Amino acid sequence: MNKLQLKRYAKLLAKTGINVKRGQWVIVNAGLDQPEFVEWVVEELYRAGAGKVTVEWSHQPMTKLKYKYEKEDVLASVPKWEQERW
């Protein structure tokens, strides 16, 4: 896809897919492989009226390491601070 198509898609996501309302807070979960597209989505969310947009970045190779090395009891528990964050 070219940049113009991706920018249109970002606008479509913000207005129709996410359907953000004025003042709404939005969390975007995104991989590190498309920062430019994520930037366009965030901009369109603000243009559509979002009050706050937070981007939570992830990186698939790091996630794979987490699941490979963390103990099962650690993976099964969610710390209080993380529960409150979400």
C-alpha atoms as a PDB file:
ATOM      1  CA  MET A   1       0.000   0.000   0.000  1.00  0.00           C
ATOM      2  CA  ASN A   2       1.171   3.502  -0.660  1.00  0.00           C
ATOM      3  CA  LYS A   3       1.238   6.271   1.957  1.00  0.00           C
ATOM      4  CA  LEU A   4      -1.981   7.896   0.800  1.00  0.00           C
ATOM      5  CA  GLN A   5      -3.894   4.620   1.110  1.00  0.00           C
ATOM      6  CA  LEU A   6      -2.416   3.995   4.576  1.00  0.00           C
ATOM      7  CA  LYS A   7      -3.362   7.503   5.737  1.00  0.00           C
ATOM      8  CA  ARG A   8      -6.919   6.923   4.504  1.00  0.00           C
ATOM      9  CA  TYR A   9      -6.985   3.604   6.318  1.00  0.00           C
ATOM     10  CA  ALA A  10      -5.798   5.312   9.531  1.00  0.00           C
ATOM     11  CA  LYS A  11      -8.650   7.811   9.217  1.00  0.00           C
ATOM     12  CA  LEU A  12     -11.154   5.021   8.582  1.00  0.00           C
ATOM     13  CA  LEU A  13      -9.900   3.162  11.664  1.00  0.00           C
ATOM     14  CA  ALA A  14     -10.238   6.214  13.890  1.00  0.00           C
ATOM     15  CA  LYS A  15     -13.676   7.284  12.725  1.00  0.00           C
ATOM     16  CA  THR A  16     -15.392   4.010  11.862  1.00  0.00           C
ATOM     17  CA  GLY A  17     -13.425   1.063  13.233  1.00  0.00           C
ATOM     18  CA  ILE A  18     -12.659   2.538  16.651  1.00  0.00           C
ATOM     19  CA  ASN A  19     -15.487   5.077  16.482  1.00  0.00           C
ATOM     20  CA  VAL A  20     -13.785   7.347  18.999  1.00  0.00           C
ATOM     21  CA  LYS A  21     -16.013   9.779  20.875  1.00  0.00           C
ATOM     22  CA  ARG A  22     -15.080  13.319  21.912  1.00  0.00           C
ATOM     23  CA  GLY A  23     -12.925  13.217  25.036  1.00  0.00           C
ATOM     24  CA  GLN A  24     -12.537   9.423  25.011  1.00  0.00           C
ATOM     25  CA  TRP A  25      -9.232   7.920  26.107  1.00  0.00           C
ATOM     26  CA  VAL A  26      -7.803   5.332  23.712  1.00  0.00           C
ATOM     27  CA  ILE A  27      -5.061   2.741  24.137  1.00  0.00           C
ATOM     28  CA  VAL A  28      -3.389   1.565  20.928  1.00  0.00           C
ATOM     29  CA  ASN A  29      -1.467  -1.726  21.061  1.00  0.00           C
ATOM     30  CA  ALA A  30       1.076  -1.791  18.262  1.00  0.00           C
ATOM     31  CA  GLY A  31       4.183  -3.576  17.098  1.00  0.00           C
ATOM     32  CA  LEU A  32       7.430  -1.740  16.476  1.00  0.00           C
ATOM     33  CA  ASP A  33       7.384  -2.623  12.792  1.00  0.00           C
ATOM     34  CA  GLN A  34       4.962   0.125  11.666  1.00  0.00           C
ATOM     35  CA  PRO A  35       5.694   3.317  13.652  1.00  0.00           C
ATOM     36  CA  GLU A  36       4.715   5.663  10.823  1.00  0.00           C
ATOM     37  CA  PHE A  37       1.284   4.054  10.441  1.00  0.00           C
ATOM     38  CA  VAL A  38       0.730   4.122  14.212  1.00  0.00           C
ATOM     39  CA  GLU A  39       1.596   7.832  14.176  1.00  0.00           C
ATOM     40  CA  TRP A  40      -1.073   8.439  11.524  1.00  0.00           C
ATOM     41  CA  VAL A  41      -3.658   6.468  13.508  1.00  0.00           C
ATOM     42  CA  VAL A  42      -2.866   8.447  16.663  1.00  0.00           C
ATOM     43  CA  GLU A  43      -3.173  11.721  14.773  1.00  0.00           C
ATOM     44  CA  GLU A  44      -6.537  10.698  13.321  1.00  0.00           C
ATOM     45  CA  LEU A  45      -7.760   9.657  16.773  1.00  0.00           C
ATOM     46  CA  TYR A  46      -6.945  13.117  18.112  1.00  0.00           C
ATOM     47  CA  ARG A  47      -8.562  14.750  15.080  1.00  0.00           C
ATOM     48  CA  ALA A  48     -11.673  12.656  15.725  1.00  0.00           C
ATOM     49  CA  GLY A  49     -11.836  14.042  19.260  1.00  0.00           C
ATOM     50  CA  ALA A  50      -9.916  11.615  21.475  1.00  0.00           C
ATOM     51  CA  GLY A  51      -9.016  13.184  24.802  1.00  0.00           C
ATOM     52  CA  LYS A  52      -5.887  11.085  25.299  1.00  0.00           C
ATOM     53  CA  VAL A  53      -4.156   8.427  23.221  1.00  0.00           C
ATOM     54  CA  THR A  54      -1.603   6.054  24.729  1.00  0.00           C
ATOM     55  CA  VAL A  55       0.465   3.725  22.572  1.00  0.00           C
ATOM     56  CA  GLU A  56       1.624   0.437  24.093  1.00  0.00           C
ATOM     57  CA  TRP A  57       4.493  -0.829  21.959  1.00  0.00           C
ATOM     58  CA  SER A  58       5.437  -4.482  21.655  1.00  0.00           C
ATOM     59  CA  HIS A  59       8.202  -6.328  19.892  1.00  0.00           C
ATOM     60  CA  GLN A  60       7.470  -9.898  18.847  1.00  0.00           C
ATOM     61  CA  PRO A  61      11.021 -11.278  19.413  1.00  0.00           C
ATOM     62  CA  MET A  62      10.966  -9.916  23.000  1.00  0.00           C
ATOM     63  CA  THR A  63       7.526 -11.389  23.624  1.00  0.00           C
ATOM     64  CA  LYS A  64       8.795 -14.737  22.385  1.00  0.00           C
ATOM     65  CA  LEU A  65      11.686 -14.550  24.881  1.00  0.00           C
ATOM     66  CA  LYS A  66       9.244 -13.793  27.687  1.00  0.00           C
ATOM     67  CA  TYR A  67       7.228 -16.930  26.977  1.00  0.00           C
ATOM     68  CA  LYS A  68      10.350 -19.007  26.520  1.00  0.00           C
ATOM     69  CA  TYR A  69      12.053 -18.063  29.795  1.00  0.00           C
ATOM     70  CA  GLU A  70       9.475 -16.921  32.351  1.00  0.00           C
ATOM     71  CA  LYS A  71       8.265 -19.508  34.822  1.00  0.00           C
ATOM     72  CA  GLU A  72       4.658 -20.659  34.522  1.00  0.00           C
ATOM     73  CA  ASP A  73       3.635 -19.148  37.875  1.00  0.00           C
ATOM     74  CA  VAL A  74       4.995 -15.759  36.782  1.00  0.00           C
ATOM     75  CA  LEU A  75       3.145 -15.947  33.476  1.00  0.00           C
ATOM     76  CA  ALA A  76      -0.053 -16.935  35.301  1.00  0.00           C
ATOM     77  CA  SER A  77      -0.015 -13.971  37.680  1.00  0.00           C
ATOM     78  CA  VAL A  78      -0.866 -10.356  36.951  1.00  0.00           C
ATOM     79  CA  PRO A  79       0.662  -7.867  39.407  1.00  0.00           C
ATOM     80  CA  LYS A  80      -1.715  -5.406  41.067  1.00  0.00           C
ATOM     81  CA  TRP A  81      -0.008  -2.414  39.434  1.00  0.00           C
ATOM     82  CA  GLU A  82      -0.621  -3.940  36.006  1.00  0.00           C
ATOM     83  CA  GLN A  83      -4.274  -4.687  36.795  1.00  0.00           C
ATOM     84  CA  GLU A  84      -4.774  -1.077  37.907  1.00  0.00           C
ATOM     85  CA  ARG A  85      -3.014   0.242  34.817  1.00  0.00           C
ATOM     86  CA  TRP A  86      -5.499  -1.537  32.573  1.00  0.00           C
END
